[in-house]
Amino acid sequence: MVTINATYQGDLCCTAVHGPSSAQLQTDAPKDNEGLGRFFSPTDLVATALATCILTTMGIVARRRGIDLKGASAVVEKHMNATPRRIGRLPVVLKIRGTYTDEQKQVLEHAAHHCPVHKSLHPDIDASITFEWLG
């Protein structure tokens, strides 16, 4: 179990503190929802969590199998639905440089699709993952 303590700072900003490390981050409402967009919004953090979880899960599998995944990157786009206001789409594009066998690609793609955040998203959210294998 991990505890995160969040405090409303006013002006649509919050500060969150990660219990185990005491690391802090701030959030702000986005400009299109009455905020100033100074920091990640809560829904931006969902998109960020998805991209970094995919890379981390792939990294765990790669490390266990002796595969060098360093430099792999992800771009995620957050698309909001207007009514009700919620995340509608989180398409992710992974760019992976290096030479990989078909088996290694299959294992890494499986890991990406089974990261905990991807598995935790509501099924109404389109969270497609595209792989660009850049040799």
Protein backbone atom coordinates (compact mmCIF):
# COMPACT_ATOMS: atom_id res chain seq x y z
CA MET A 1 0.00 0.00 0.00
CA VAL A 2 1.19 3.50 -0.84
CA THR A 3 -0.29 6.63 0.70
CA ILE A 4 -0.49 9.92 -1.16
CA ASN A 5 -1.61 12.99 0.74
CA ALA A 6 -3.26 15.69 -1.36
CA THR A 7 -4.05 19.19 -0.13
CA TYR A 8 -6.19 21.79 -1.90
CA GLN A 9 -4.11 24.98 -2.07
CA GLY A 10 -6.86 27.20 -3.45
CA ASP A 11 -7.17 28.72 -6.92
CA LEU A 12 -7.85 25.21 -8.33
CA CYS A 13 -4.37 23.96 -7.35
CA CYS A 14 -3.47 20.94 -5.25
CA THR A 15 -0.22 19.63 -3.83
CA ALA A 16 0.28 15.88 -3.54
CA VAL A 17 2.94 14.23 -1.40
CA HIS A 18 4.09 10.68 -2.10
CA GLY A 19 4.27 8.96 1.30
CA PRO A 20 7.25 6.65 0.76
CA SER A 21 9.56 9.25 -0.80
CA SER A 22 8.05 12.60 0.25
CA ALA A 23 8.28 13.69 -3.40
CA GLN A 24 5.79 16.41 -4.23
CA LEU A 25 3.87 17.47 -7.28
CA GLN A 26 1.33 20.15 -7.97
CA THR A 27 -1.77 20.07 -10.10
CA ASP A 28 -3.85 22.82 -11.64
CA ALA A 29 -7.10 22.84 -13.52
CA PRO A 30 -6.56 23.17 -17.28
CA LYS A 31 -7.23 26.45 -19.04
CA ASP A 32 -10.28 24.98 -20.76
CA ASN A 33 -11.80 24.17 -17.36
CA GLU A 34 -11.40 27.40 -15.38
CA GLY A 35 -7.76 26.85 -14.41
CA LEU A 36 -4.51 28.53 -15.34
CA GLY A 37 -2.83 25.40 -16.69
CA ARG A 38 0.34 26.05 -14.66
CA PHE A 39 0.91 22.38 -13.84
CA PHE A 40 -0.26 18.96 -14.93
CA SER A 41 -4.00 18.61 -14.51
CA PRO A 42 -5.35 15.51 -12.77
CA THR A 43 -6.37 14.05 -16.13
CA ASP A 44 -2.91 14.88 -17.53
CA LEU A 45 -1.52 12.72 -14.74
CA VAL A 46 -3.70 9.82 -15.89
CA ALA A 47 -2.19 10.15 -19.38
CA THR A 48 1.29 10.48 -17.89
CA ALA A 49 0.71 7.44 -15.70
CA LEU A 50 -0.33 5.40 -18.72
CA ALA A 51 2.74 6.30 -20.80
CA THR A 52 5.23 5.83 -17.98
CA CYS A 53 3.57 2.61 -16.77
CA ILE A 54 3.80 1.11 -20.25
CA LEU A 55 7.50 2.00 -20.50
CA THR A 56 8.22 0.80 -16.97
CA THR A 57 6.42 -2.51 -17.45
CA MET A 58 8.24 -3.07 -20.73
CA GLY A 59 11.48 -2.14 -18.95
CA ILE A 60 10.90 -4.76 -16.25
CA VAL A 61 10.32 -7.46 -18.85
CA ALA A 62 13.27 -6.26 -20.93
CA ARG A 63 15.62 -6.29 -17.93
CA ARG A 64 14.53 -9.81 -16.95
CA ARG A 65 15.30 -11.03 -20.47
CA GLY A 66 18.53 -9.09 -20.98
CA ILE A 67 16.99 -6.79 -23.61
CA ASP A 68 18.29 -3.22 -23.86
CA LEU A 69 15.26 -0.91 -23.99
CA LYS A 70 17.07 2.29 -23.02
CA GLY A 71 15.90 5.25 -25.08
CA ALA A 72 12.43 3.88 -25.79
CA SER A 73 9.88 6.67 -25.65
CA ALA A 74 6.14 7.16 -25.55
CA VAL A 75 3.88 9.94 -26.73
CA VAL A 76 0.35 9.95 -25.34
CA GLU A 77 -2.44 12.30 -26.41
CA LYS A 78 -5.23 13.08 -23.97
CA HIS A 79 -8.58 13.67 -25.66
CA MET A 80 -11.38 14.87 -23.42
CA ASN A 81 -15.08 14.26 -24.01
CA ALA A 82 -17.27 17.29 -23.40
CA THR A 83 -20.39 15.70 -21.93
CA PRO A 84 -19.86 14.25 -19.50
CA ARG A 85 -16.43 15.78 -19.10
CA ARG A 86 -14.07 12.83 -18.93
CA ILE A 87 -11.12 11.28 -20.70
CA GLY A 88 -12.33 9.79 -23.97
CA ARG A 89 -9.12 8.70 -25.69
CA LEU A 90 -5.50 8.12 -24.68
CA PRO A 91 -3.73 6.88 -27.81
CA VAL A 92 -0.10 5.97 -27.12
CA VAL A 93 2.69 5.76 -29.69
CA LEU A 94 5.82 3.92 -28.60
CA LYS A 95 9.11 4.54 -30.40
CA ILE A 96 11.64 1.81 -29.79
CA ARG A 97 15.10 2.04 -31.30
CA GLY A 98 17.31 -0.97 -31.76
CA THR A 99 17.26 -4.40 -33.32
CA TYR A 100 14.85 -6.90 -31.82
CA THR A 101 13.79 -10.40 -32.79
CA ASP A 102 10.15 -11.09 -33.55
CA GLU A 103 9.91 -12.97 -30.24
CA GLN A 104 11.34 -10.00 -28.29
CA LYS A 105 8.90 -7.64 -29.99
CA GLN A 106 6.00 -9.92 -29.15
CA VAL A 107 7.04 -10.15 -25.48
CA LEU A 108 7.49 -6.38 -25.17
CA GLU A 109 4.19 -5.63 -26.91
CA HIS A 110 2.42 -8.05 -24.57
CA ALA A 111 3.99 -6.29 -21.58
CA ALA A 112 2.82 -2.90 -22.86
CA HIS A 113 -0.77 -4.07 -23.19
CA HIS A 114 -0.70 -5.55 -19.71
CA CYS A 115 0.71 -2.67 -17.69
CA PRO A 116 -1.32 -2.03 -14.52
CA VAL A 117 -2.54 1.43 -15.58
CA HIS A 118 -3.72 0.21 -18.99
CA LYS A 119 -5.56 -2.64 -17.27
CA SER A 120 -7.10 -0.19 -14.76
CA LEU A 121 -8.62 2.21 -17.28
CA HIS A 122 -12.36 2.18 -17.81
CA PRO A 123 -13.23 0.18 -20.95
CA ASP A 124 -14.94 3.25 -22.47
CA ILE A 125 -11.53 4.96 -22.75
CA ASP A 126 -9.87 4.19 -26.08
CA ALA A 127 -6.25 3.58 -25.06
CA SER A 128 -4.75 2.18 -28.23
CA ILE A 129 -1.03 1.43 -28.33
CA THR A 130 0.98 1.78 -31.54
CA PHE A 131 4.52 0.42 -31.79
CA GLU A 132 7.15 2.00 -34.02
CA TRP A 133 10.15 -0.33 -34.17
CA LEU A 134 12.99 1.90 -35.34
CA GLY A 135 15.96 -0.30 -36.19
